[in-house]
Each structure stands twice: as C-alpha cells, then as structure tokens.
PDB file of all heavy atoms in Angstrom:
ATOM      1  N   ASN A   1     -69.220  10.146  10.614  1.00  0.00           N
ATOM      2  CA  ASN A   1     -69.866  10.723  11.799  1.00  0.00           C
ATOM      3  C   ASN A   1     -71.324  10.314  11.930  1.00  0.00           C
ATOM      4  O   ASN A   1     -71.856  10.218  13.038  1.00  0.00           O
ATOM      5  CB  ASN A   1     -69.764  12.254  11.761  1.00  0.00           C
ATOM      6  CG  ASN A   1     -68.332  12.741  11.893  1.00  0.00           C
ATOM      7  OD1 ASN A   1     -67.482  12.057  12.452  1.00  0.00           O
ATOM      8  ND2 ASN A   1     -68.054  13.926  11.364  1.00  0.00           N
ATOM      9  N   ASN A   2     -71.973  10.061  10.787  1.00  0.00           N
ATOM     10  CA  ASN A   2     -73.406   9.740  10.811  1.00  0.00           C
ATOM     11  C   ASN A   2     -73.697   8.242  10.763  1.00  0.00           C
ATOM     12  O   ASN A   2     -74.865   7.844  10.731  1.00  0.00           O
ATOM     13  CB  ASN A   2     -74.108  10.430   9.635  1.00  0.00           C
ATOM     14  CG  ASN A   2     -74.065  11.949   9.760  1.00  0.00           C
ATOM     15  OD1 ASN A   2     -74.074  12.490  10.863  1.00  0.00           O
ATOM     16  ND2 ASN A   2     -74.005  12.638   8.625  1.00  0.00           N
ATOM     17  N   ALA A   3     -72.661   7.423  10.756  1.00  0.00           N
ATOM     18  CA  ALA A   3     -72.865   5.976  10.699  1.00  0.00           C
ATOM     19  C   ALA A   3     -73.652   5.496  11.920  1.00  0.00           C
ATOM     20  O   ALA A   3     -73.318   5.846  13.056  1.00  0.00           O
ATOM     21  CB  ALA A   3     -71.519   5.263  10.613  1.00  0.00           C
ATOM     22  N   GLU A   4     -74.690   4.702  11.690  1.00  0.00           N
ATOM     23  CA  GLU A   4     -75.572   4.281  12.780  1.00  0.00           C
ATOM     24  C   GLU A   4     -74.854   3.441  13.827  1.00  0.00           C
ATOM     25  O   GLU A   4     -75.142   3.532  15.015  1.00  0.00           O
ATOM     26  CB  GLU A   4     -76.764   3.501  12.217  1.00  0.00           C
ATOM     27  CG  GLU A   4     -77.750   4.371  11.452  1.00  0.00           C
ATOM     28  CD  GLU A   4     -78.990   3.604  11.041  1.00  0.00           C
ATOM     29  OE1 GLU A   4     -79.098   2.415  11.428  1.00  0.00           O
ATOM     30  OE2 GLU A   4     -79.841   4.179  10.355  1.00  0.00           O
ATOM     31  N   ASP A   5     -73.918   2.580  13.395  1.00  0.00           N
ATOM     32  CA  ASP A   5     -73.250   1.698  14.359  1.00  0.00           C
ATOM     33  C   ASP A   5     -71.868   2.208  14.741  1.00  0.00           C
ATOM     34  O   ASP A   5     -71.016   1.440  15.191  1.00  0.00           O
ATOM     35  CB  ASP A   5     -73.161   0.271  13.809  1.00  0.00           C
ATOM     36  CG  ASP A   5     -72.327   0.197  12.534  1.00  0.00           C
ATOM     37  OD1 ASP A   5     -72.133   1.254  11.890  1.00  0.00           O
ATOM     38  OD2 ASP A   5     -71.879  -0.914  12.185  1.00  0.00           O
ATOM     39  N   ASN A   6     -71.645   3.517  14.559  1.00  0.00           N
ATOM     40  CA  ASN A   6     -70.369   4.119  14.961  1.00  0.00           C
ATOM     41  C   ASN A   6     -70.132   3.874  16.452  1.00  0.00           C
ATOM     42  O   ASN A   6     -70.984   4.181  17.284  1.00  0.00           O
ATOM     43  CB  ASN A   6     -70.397   5.617  14.666  1.00  0.00           C
ATOM     44  CG  ASN A   6     -69.035   6.279  14.811  1.00  0.00           C
ATOM     45  OD1 ASN A   6     -68.332   6.062  15.790  1.00  0.00           O
ATOM     46  ND2 ASN A   6     -68.679   7.098  13.835  1.00  0.00           N
ATOM     47  N   LYS A   7     -68.991   3.319  16.791  1.00  0.00           N
ATOM     48  CA  LYS A   7     -68.677   2.948  18.182  1.00  0.00           C
ATOM     49  C   LYS A   7     -67.970   4.043  18.963  1.00  0.00           C
ATOM     50  O   LYS A   7     -67.632   3.846  20.135  1.00  0.00           O
ATOM     51  CB  LYS A   7     -67.805   1.687  18.210  1.00  0.00           C
ATOM     52  CG  LYS A   7     -68.384   0.498  17.465  1.00  0.00           C
ATOM     53  CD  LYS A   7     -69.716   0.067  18.024  1.00  0.00           C
ATOM     54  CE  LYS A   7     -70.220  -1.193  17.300  1.00  0.00           C
ATOM     55  NZ  LYS A   7     -71.558  -1.586  17.768  1.00  0.00           N
ATOM     56  N   GLY A   8     -67.749   5.179  18.306  1.00  0.00           N
ATOM     57  CA  GLY A   8     -67.101   6.263  19.044  1.00  0.00           C
ATOM     58  C   GLY A   8     -65.927   6.903  18.329  1.00  0.00           C
ATOM     59  O   GLY A   8     -64.980   7.344  18.989  1.00  0.00           O
ATOM     60  N   VAL A   9     -65.984   6.952  16.991  1.00  0.00           N
ATOM     61  CA  VAL A   9     -64.928   7.605  16.203  1.00  0.00           C
ATOM     62  C   VAL A   9     -65.543   8.800  15.494  1.00  0.00           C
ATOM     63  O   VAL A   9     -66.626   8.707  14.916  1.00  0.00           O
ATOM     64  CB  VAL A   9     -64.315   6.639  15.161  1.00  0.00           C
ATOM     65  CG1 VAL A   9     -63.312   7.386  14.269  1.00  0.00           C
ATOM     66  CG2 VAL A   9     -63.633   5.473  15.864  1.00  0.00           C
ATOM     67  N   ARG A  10     -64.848   9.919  15.521  1.00  0.00           N
ATOM     68  CA  ARG A  10     -65.287  11.102  14.805  1.00  0.00           C
ATOM     69  C   ARG A  10     -64.232  11.477  13.768  1.00  0.00           C
ATOM     70  O   ARG A  10     -63.048  11.154  13.931  1.00  0.00           O
ATOM     71  CB  ARG A  10     -65.526  12.265  15.763  1.00  0.00           C
ATOM     72  CG  ARG A  10     -66.755  12.056  16.632  1.00  0.00           C
ATOM     73  CD  ARG A  10     -68.019  12.158  15.799  1.00  0.00           C
ATOM     74  NE  ARG A  10     -69.238  11.834  16.532  1.00  0.00           N
ATOM     75  CZ  ARG A  10     -69.862  10.687  16.478  1.00  0.00           C
ATOM     76  NH1 ARG A  10     -69.367   9.695  15.749  1.00  0.00           N
ATOM     77  NH2 ARG A  10     -70.978  10.479  17.134  1.00  0.00           N
ATOM     78  N   ALA A  11     -64.691  12.139  12.703  1.00  0.00           N
ATOM     79  CA  ALA A  11     -63.774  12.524  11.629  1.00  0.00           C
ATOM     80  C   ALA A  11     -64.037  13.962  11.234  1.00  0.00           C
ATOM     81  O   ALA A  11     -65.163  14.455  11.322  1.00  0.00           O
ATOM     82  CB  ALA A  11     -63.959  11.599  10.422  1.00  0.00           C
ATOM     83  N   THR A  12     -62.976  14.631  10.799  1.00  0.00           N
ATOM     84  CA  THR A  12     -63.104  15.998  10.317  1.00  0.00           C
ATOM     85  C   THR A  12     -62.042  16.243   9.253  1.00  0.00           C
ATOM     86  O   THR A  12     -61.106  15.441   9.100  1.00  0.00           O
ATOM     87  CB  THR A  12     -62.955  17.013  11.466  1.00  0.00           C
ATOM     88  OG1 THR A  12     -63.283  18.319  10.987  1.00  0.00           O
ATOM     89  CG2 THR A  12     -61.539  17.049  12.007  1.00  0.00           C
ATOM     90  N   VAL A  13     -62.180  17.338   8.496  1.00  0.00           N
ATOM     91  CA  VAL A  13     -61.209  17.714   7.478  1.00  0.00           C
ATOM     92  C   VAL A  13     -60.354  18.858   8.016  1.00  0.00           C
ATOM     93  O   VAL A  13     -60.889  19.847   8.530  1.00  0.00           O
ATOM     94  CB  VAL A  13     -61.912  18.156   6.173  1.00  0.00           C
ATOM     95  CG1 VAL A  13     -60.868  18.587   5.135  1.00  0.00           C
ATOM     96  CG2 VAL A  13     -62.783  17.027   5.635  1.00  0.00           C
ATOM     97  N   VAL A  14     -59.053  18.705   7.924  1.00  0.00           N
ATOM     98  CA  VAL A  14     -58.121  19.746   8.353  1.00  0.00           C
ATOM     99  C   VAL A  14     -57.340  20.232   7.140  1.00  0.00           C
ATOM    100  O   VAL A  14     -56.753  19.421   6.403  1.00  0.00           O
ATOM    101  CB  VAL A  14     -57.155  19.221   9.434  1.00  0.00           C
ATOM    102  CG1 VAL A  14     -56.120  20.283   9.778  1.00  0.00           C
ATOM    103  CG2 VAL A  14     -57.928  18.813  10.676  1.00  0.00           C
ATOM    104  N   ASN A  15     -57.351  21.538   6.936  1.00  0.00           N
ATOM    105  CA  ASN A  15     -56.610  22.146   5.831  1.00  0.00           C
ATOM    106  C   ASN A  15     -55.350  22.798   6.372  1.00  0.00           C
ATOM    107  O   ASN A  15     -55.430  23.646   7.270  1.00  0.00           O
ATOM    108  CB  ASN A  15     -57.482  23.189   5.122  1.00  0.00           C
ATOM    109  CG  ASN A  15     -58.762  22.602   4.562  1.00  0.00           C
ATOM    110  OD1 ASN A  15     -58.722  21.618   3.831  1.00  0.00           O
ATOM    111  ND2 ASN A  15     -59.903  23.201   4.899  1.00  0.00           N
ATOM    112  N   SER A  16     -54.205  22.402   5.845  1.00  0.00           N
ATOM    113  CA  SER A  16     -52.932  22.944   6.317  1.00  0.00           C
ATOM    114  C   SER A  16     -51.872  22.683   5.243  1.00  0.00           C
ATOM    115  O   SER A  16     -52.158  22.143   4.173  1.00  0.00           O
ATOM    116  CB  SER A  16     -52.530  22.278   7.636  1.00  0.00           C
ATOM    117  OG  SER A  16     -52.308  20.886   7.441  1.00  0.00           O
ATOM    118  N   GLU A  17     -50.641  23.052   5.552  1.00  0.00           N
ATOM    119  CA  GLU A  17     -49.535  22.741   4.638  1.00  0.00           C
ATOM    120  C   GLU A  17     -49.083  21.300   4.835  1.00  0.00           C
ATOM    121  O   GLU A  17     -49.054  20.791   5.956  1.00  0.00           O
ATOM    122  CB  GLU A  17     -48.351  23.668   4.899  1.00  0.00           C
ATOM    123  CG  GLU A  17     -48.561  25.092   4.435  1.00  0.00           C
ATOM    124  CD  GLU A  17     -47.271  25.910   4.601  1.00  0.00           C
ATOM    125  OE1 GLU A  17     -46.269  25.368   5.114  1.00  0.00           O
ATOM    126  OE2 GLU A  17     -47.284  27.092   4.210  1.00  0.00           O
ATOM    127  N   ASP A  18     -48.770  20.647   3.739  1.00  0.00           N
ATOM    128  CA  ASP A  18     -48.130  19.335   3.803  1.00  0.00           C
ATOM    129  C   ASP A  18     -46.710  19.556   4.298  1.00  0.00           C
ATOM    130  O   ASP A  18     -45.927  20.273   3.667  1.00  0.00           O
ATOM    131  CB  ASP A  18     -48.130  18.690   2.424  1.00  0.00           C
ATOM    132  CG  ASP A  18     -47.576  17.269   2.441  1.00  0.00           C
ATOM    133  OD1 ASP A  18     -46.742  16.969   3.327  1.00  0.00           O
ATOM    134  OD2 ASP A  18     -47.978  16.485   1.578  1.00  0.00           O
ATOM    135  N   PRO A  19     -46.354  18.998   5.473  1.00  0.00           N
ATOM    136  CA  PRO A  19     -45.006  19.249   6.009  1.00  0.00           C
ATOM    137  C   PRO A  19     -43.890  18.760   5.091  1.00  0.00           C
ATOM    138  O   PRO A  19     -42.751  19.259   5.185  1.00  0.00           O
ATOM    139  CB  PRO A  19     -45.009  18.489   7.342  1.00  0.00           C
ATOM    140  CG  PRO A  19     -46.096  17.480   7.217  1.00  0.00           C
ATOM    141  CD  PRO A  19     -47.134  18.089   6.338  1.00  0.00           C
ATOM    142  N   ASP A  20     -44.183  17.816   4.207  1.00  0.00           N
ATOM    143  CA  ASP A  20     -43.148  17.303   3.302  1.00  0.00           C
ATOM    144  C   ASP A  20     -42.950  18.207   2.093  1.00  0.00           C
ATOM    145  O   ASP A  20     -41.819  18.417   1.632  1.00  0.00           O
ATOM    146  CB  ASP A  20     -43.507  15.885   2.832  1.00  0.00           C
ATOM    147  CG  ASP A  20     -43.488  14.892   3.976  1.00  0.00           C
ATOM    148  OD1 ASP A  20     -42.712  15.108   4.931  1.00  0.00           O
ATOM    149  OD2 ASP A  20     -44.264  13.920   3.940  1.00  0.00           O
ATOM    150  N   THR A  21     -44.057  18.766   1.559  1.00  0.00           N
ATOM    151  CA  THR A  21     -43.952  19.568   0.337  1.00  0.00           C
ATOM    152  C   THR A  21     -44.094  21.062   0.582  1.00  0.00           C
ATOM    153  O   THR A  21     -43.694  21.881  -0.247  1.00  0.00           O
ATOM    154  CB  THR A  21     -45.037  19.137  -0.658  1.00  0.00           C
ATOM    155  OG1 THR A  21     -46.324  19.446  -0.112  1.00  0.00           O
ATOM    156  CG2 THR A  21     -44.948  17.650  -0.933  1.00  0.00           C
ATOM    157  N   GLY A  22     -44.721  21.407   1.704  1.00  0.00           N
ATOM    158  CA  GLY A  22     -44.973  22.815   1.979  1.00  0.00           C
ATOM    159  C   GLY A  22     -46.142  23.382   1.199  1.00  0.00           C
ATOM    160  O   GLY A  22     -46.428  24.575   1.274  1.00  0.00           O
ATOM    161  N   GLU A  23     -46.846  22.527   0.450  1.00  0.00           N
ATOM    162  CA  GLU A  23     -47.964  22.971  -0.365  1.00  0.00           C
ATOM    163  C   GLU A  23     -49.275  22.938   0.435  1.00  0.00           C
ATOM    164  O   GLU A  23     -49.434  22.111   1.338  1.00  0.00           O
ATOM    165  CB  GLU A  23     -48.106  22.062  -1.589  1.00  0.00           C
ATOM    166  CG  GLU A  23     -46.920  22.090  -2.545  1.00  0.00           C
ATOM    167  CD  GLU A  23     -46.744  23.453  -3.199  1.00  0.00           C
ATOM    168  OE1 GLU A  23     -47.775  24.115  -3.466  1.00  0.00           O
ATOM    169  OE2 GLU A  23     -45.586  23.851  -3.422  1.00  0.00           O
ATOM    170  N   PRO A  24     -50.216  23.849   0.088  1.00  0.00           N
ATOM    171  CA  PRO A  24     -51.540  23.807   0.747  1.00  0.00           C
ATOM    172  C   PRO A  24     -52.199  22.446   0.507  1.00  0.00           C
ATOM    173  O   PRO A  24     -52.291  22.002  -0.638  1.00  0.00           O
ATOM    174  CB  PRO A  24     -52.318  24.928   0.060  1.00  0.00           C
ATOM    175  CG  PRO A  24     -51.275  25.846  -0.486  1.00  0.00           C
ATOM    176  CD  PRO A  24     -50.118  24.972  -0.881  1.00  0.00           C
ATOM    177  N   SER A  25     -52.628  21.815   1.592  1.00  0.00           N
ATOM    178  CA  SER A  25     -53.139  20.449   1.480  1.00  0.00           C
ATOM    179  C   SER A  25     -54.304  20.232   2.438  1.00  0.00           C
ATOM    180  O   SER A  25     -54.610  21.078   3.291  1.00  0.00           O
ATOM    181  CB  SER A  25     -52.020  19.435   1.796  1.00  0.00           C
ATOM    182  OG  SER A  25     -50.910  19.630   0.931  1.00  0.00           O
ATOM    183  N   SER A  26     -54.947  19.099   2.267  1.00  0.00           N
ATOM    184  CA  SER A  26     -56.062  18.715   3.147  1.00  0.00           C
ATOM    185  C   SER A  26     -55.898  17.249   3.526  1.00  0.00           C
ATOM    186  O   SER A  26     -55.291  16.464   2.786  1.00  0.00           O
ATOM    187  CB  SER A  26     -57.406  18.911   2.437  1.00  0.00           C
ATOM    188  OG  SER A  26     -57.591  20.247   2.055  1.00  0.00           O
ATOM    189  N   ARG A  27     -56.465  16.870   4.673  1.00  0.00           N
ATOM    190  CA  ARG A  27     -56.469  15.464   5.072  1.00  0.00           C
ATOM    191  C   ARG A  27     -57.591  15.209   6.059  1.00  0.00           C
ATOM    192  O   ARG A  27     -58.145  16.139   6.667  1.00  0.00           O
ATOM    193  CB  ARG A  27     -55.126  15.056   5.678  1.00  0.00           C
ATOM    194  CG  ARG A  27     -54.815  15.683   7.021  1.00  0.00           C
ATOM    195  CD  ARG A  27     -53.589  15.022   7.616  1.00  0.00           C
ATOM    196  NE  ARG A  27     -53.128  15.666   8.843  1.00  0.00           N
ATOM    197  CZ  ARG A  27     -52.157  15.177   9.621  1.00  0.00           C
ATOM    198  NH1 ARG A  27     -51.555  14.042   9.291  1.00  0.00           N
ATOM    199  NH2 ARG A  27     -51.791  15.815  10.713  1.00  0.00           N
ATOM    200  N   LEU A  28     -57.934  13.957   6.223  1.00  0.00           N
ATOM    201  CA  LEU A  28     -58.901  13.539   7.232  1.00  0.00           C
ATOM    202  C   LEU A  28     -58.192  13.334   8.557  1.00  0.00           C
ATOM    203  O   LEU A  28     -57.073  12.816   8.591  1.00  0.00           O
ATOM    204  CB  LEU A  28     -59.590  12.235   6.818  1.00  0.00           C
ATOM    205  CG  LEU A  28     -60.633  12.300   5.705  1.00  0.00           C
ATOM    206  CD1 LEU A  28     -61.053  10.876   5.318  1.00  0.00           C
ATOM    207  CD2 LEU A  28     -61.857  13.101   6.146  1.00  0.00           C
ATOM    208  N   VAL A  29     -58.852  13.740   9.626  1.00  0.00           N
ATOM    209  CA  VAL A  29     -58.345  13.475  10.966  1.00  0.00           C
ATOM    210  C   VAL A  29     -59.416  12.675  11.709  1.00  0.00           C
ATOM    211  O   VAL A  29     -60.581  13.066  11.760  1.00  0.00           O
ATOM    212  CB  VAL A  29     -58.023  14.772  11.726  1.00  0.00           C
ATOM    213  CG1 VAL A  29     -57.696  14.465  13.191  1.00  0.00           C
ATOM    214  CG2 VAL A  29     -56.868  15.502  11.068  1.00  0.00           C
ATOM    215  N   PHE A  30     -59.013  11.525  12.255  1.00  0.00           N
ATOM    216  CA  PHE A  30     -59.913  10.658  13.022  1.00  0.00           C
ATOM    217  C   PHE A  30     -59.552  10.764  14.500  1.00  0.00           C
ATOM    218  O   PHE A  30     -58.365  10.721  14.849  1.00  0.00           O
ATOM    219  CB  PHE A  30     -59.765   9.189  12.584  1.00  0.00           C
ATOM    220  CG  PHE A  30     -59.830   8.986  11.094  1.00  0.00           C
ATOM    221  CD1 PHE A  30     -58.658   8.813  10.356  1.00  0.00           C
ATOM    222  CD2 PHE A  30     -61.036   8.964  10.422  1.00  0.00           C
ATOM    223  CE1 PHE A  30     -58.702   8.617   8.989  1.00  0.00           C
ATOM    224  CE2 PHE A  30     -61.091   8.767   9.054  1.00  0.00           C
ATOM    225  CZ  PHE A  30     -59.923   8.597   8.330  1.00  0.00           C
ATOM    226  N   PHE A  31     -60.565  10.890  15.352  1.00  0.00           N
ATOM    227  CA  PHE A  31     -60.264  10.944  16.782  1.00  0.00           C
ATOM    228  C   PHE A  31     -61.330  10.194  17.563  1.00  0.00           C
ATOM    229  O   PHE A  31     -62.498  10.143  17.184  1.00  0.00           O
ATOM    230  CB  PHE A  31     -60.141  12.381  17.283  1.00  0.00           C
ATOM    231  CG  PHE A  31     -61.329  13.259  16.992  1.00  0.00           C
ATOM    232  CD1 PHE A  31     -62.353  13.407  17.913  1.00  0.00           C
ATOM    233  CD2 PHE A  31     -61.416  13.948  15.792  1.00  0.00           C
ATOM    234  CE1 PHE A  31     -63.431  14.217  17.645  1.00  0.00           C
ATOM    235  CE2 PHE A  31     -62.502  14.764  15.517  1.00  0.00           C
ATOM    236  CZ  PHE A  31     -63.516  14.902  16.439  1.00  0.00           C
ATOM    237  N   SER A  32     -60.890   9.593  18.650  1.00  0.00           N
ATOM    238  CA  SER A  32     -61.793   8.835  19.514  1.00  0.00           C
ATOM    239  C   SER A  32     -62.573   9.788  20.410  1.00  0.00           C
ATOM    240  O   SER A  32     -62.048  10.806  20.860  1.00  0.00           O
ATOM    241  CB  SER A  32     -60.990   7.852  20.370  1.00  0.00           C
ATOM    242  OG  SER A  32     -61.840   7.212  21.306  1.00  0.00           O
ATOM    243  N   GLU A  33     -63.840   9.436  20.639  1.00  0.00           N
ATOM    244  CA  GLU A  33     -64.661  10.251  21.534  1.00  0.00           C
ATOM    245  C   GLU A  33     -64.238  10.098  22.989  1.00  0.00           C
ATOM    246  O   GLU A  33     -64.502  10.979  23.808  1.00  0.00           O
ATOM    247  CB  GLU A  33     -66.132   9.848  21.409  1.00  0.00           C
ATOM    248  CG  GLU A  33     -66.766  10.235  20.092  1.00  0.00           C
ATOM    249  CD  GLU A  33     -68.234   9.864  20.042  1.00  0.00           C
ATOM    250  OE1 GLU A  33     -68.604   8.805  20.608  1.00  0.00           O
ATOM    251  OE2 GLU A  33     -69.012  10.626  19.460  1.00  0.00           O
TER     252      GLU A  33
END
C-alpha cells in the first residue's frame, strides 16, 4: 500500500475459515483501485 510507484493495487489481511480445512486462517487480499 505504501509503495511509491504503486499503480493502483491495494492489499489487506482477511481473517476467516479456510474453506478446505475449516480451520481459522488468514490470507492477503489484493484489489484494484
């Protein structure tokens, strides 16, 4: 998010269950501005 030459991508951390294992998990989510 703080990269100087970022062309329009944002990232965040989402905490949820892994749909495959059902265990509490985390992952990065990237989205275009």
